[in-house]
Amino acid sequence: MDTFLIKKPWVTEKAGNLGAVRQYVFLVDGAATKPEVKKAVEALYKVNVVSVNIVNRPAKRKRFRGILRNAGDGQRKAIVTLKDGQKIDIA
């Protein structure tokens, strides 16, 4: 299945607070689409996904000796909303 699209759960205080409204955040592959992420989460965690939102975070720009370049890679996060009564134990 397409479970390789999900790199890891995104565990922060803000992402943890989204768990109260059945939303979970995952770091995903840069080429992942919403339907692919939905299939992967449903297969990996055995839950029903209602919706998927994708957020692209660009790489940070750093200047070193007058040269501007990207410091590392950007990230792509998927915010997944689950069906009522379901949850994922990420801990």
Protein backbone atom coordinates (compact mmCIF):
# COMPACT_ATOMS: atom_id res chain seq x y z
CA MET A 1 0.00 0.00 0.00
CA ASP A 2 1.03 3.66 -0.02
CA THR A 3 2.07 3.78 3.63
CA PHE A 4 5.54 4.98 2.61
CA LEU A 5 3.97 8.40 1.91
CA ILE A 6 3.62 9.07 5.63
CA LYS A 7 7.03 9.82 7.09
CA LYS A 8 6.02 10.35 10.74
CA PRO A 9 3.36 11.93 12.96
CA TRP A 10 3.94 15.62 13.62
CA VAL A 11 3.99 15.88 17.42
CA THR A 12 3.82 19.45 18.72
CA GLU A 13 1.68 21.18 21.31
CA LYS A 14 -0.53 22.74 18.64
CA ALA A 15 -0.90 19.44 16.75
CA GLY A 16 -1.68 17.68 20.03
CA ASN A 17 -4.52 20.08 20.74
CA LEU A 18 -6.09 19.20 17.38
CA GLY A 19 -6.65 15.66 18.66
CA ALA A 20 -9.61 16.96 20.67
CA VAL A 21 -11.43 17.73 17.39
CA ARG A 22 -10.40 14.41 15.74
CA GLN A 23 -7.62 15.99 13.65
CA TYR A 24 -4.09 14.58 13.41
CA VAL A 25 -1.01 15.97 11.67
CA PHE A 26 1.49 13.88 9.70
CA LEU A 27 4.68 14.76 7.88
CA VAL A 28 4.23 13.36 4.37
CA ASP A 29 6.22 12.93 1.16
CA GLY A 30 6.50 16.02 -1.03
CA ALA A 31 4.65 14.37 -3.92
CA ALA A 32 1.78 12.99 -1.81
CA THR A 33 -1.76 13.90 -2.84
CA LYS A 34 -4.88 14.07 -0.67
CA PRO A 35 -6.39 10.78 -1.91
CA GLU A 36 -3.06 8.97 -1.45
CA VAL A 37 -2.69 10.29 2.11
CA LYS A 38 -6.28 9.25 2.90
CA LYS A 39 -5.66 5.69 1.68
CA ALA A 40 -2.36 5.45 3.55
CA VAL A 41 -3.79 6.64 6.90
CA GLU A 42 -6.81 4.34 6.58
CA ALA A 43 -4.57 1.36 5.81
CA LEU A 44 -1.97 2.12 8.48
CA TYR A 45 -4.24 3.04 11.41
CA LYS A 46 -7.50 1.21 10.47
CA VAL A 47 -9.68 4.35 10.77
CA ASN A 48 -12.12 6.22 8.50
CA VAL A 49 -10.80 9.54 7.18
CA VAL A 50 -13.34 12.30 6.52
CA SER A 51 -11.02 14.92 5.01
CA VAL A 52 -7.37 15.73 4.34
CA ASN A 53 -5.79 19.19 4.21
CA ILE A 54 -2.25 19.66 2.89
CA VAL A 55 0.14 22.42 4.04
CA ASN A 56 3.45 23.13 2.27
CA ARG A 57 6.11 24.73 4.46
CA PRO A 58 8.90 26.20 2.33
CA ALA A 59 12.55 25.81 3.28
CA LYS A 60 14.03 28.58 5.41
CA ARG A 61 16.26 31.02 3.60
CA LYS A 62 19.68 31.66 5.14
CA ARG A 63 22.32 34.19 4.15
CA PHE A 64 25.99 33.27 4.51
CA ARG A 65 28.68 35.70 3.33
CA GLY A 66 26.23 37.48 1.08
CA ILE A 67 24.93 34.32 -0.59
CA LEU A 68 21.24 33.55 -0.07
CA ARG A 69 20.28 29.86 -0.12
CA ASN A 70 17.87 27.36 1.36
CA ALA A 71 18.79 25.81 4.69
CA GLY A 72 17.45 22.27 4.45
CA ASP A 73 14.36 21.07 2.68
CA GLY A 74 10.82 22.30 2.98
CA GLN A 75 8.16 20.15 4.59
CA ARG A 76 4.71 18.97 3.56
CA LYS A 77 2.20 18.29 6.32
CA ALA A 78 -1.18 16.61 6.08
CA ILE A 79 -3.93 17.44 8.56
CA VAL A 80 -6.28 14.45 8.67
CA THR A 81 -9.81 14.61 10.11
CA LEU A 82 -11.35 11.33 11.32
CA LYS A 83 -14.93 10.12 11.55
CA ASP A 84 -16.83 10.74 14.81
CA GLY A 85 -15.87 8.42 17.64
CA GLN A 86 -12.50 7.38 16.18
CA LYS A 87 -9.01 8.29 17.33
CA ILE A 88 -5.36 7.46 16.71
CA ASP A 89 -2.94 6.72 19.54
CA ILE A 90 0.25 8.46 18.40
CA ALA A 91 2.07 8.35 21.75
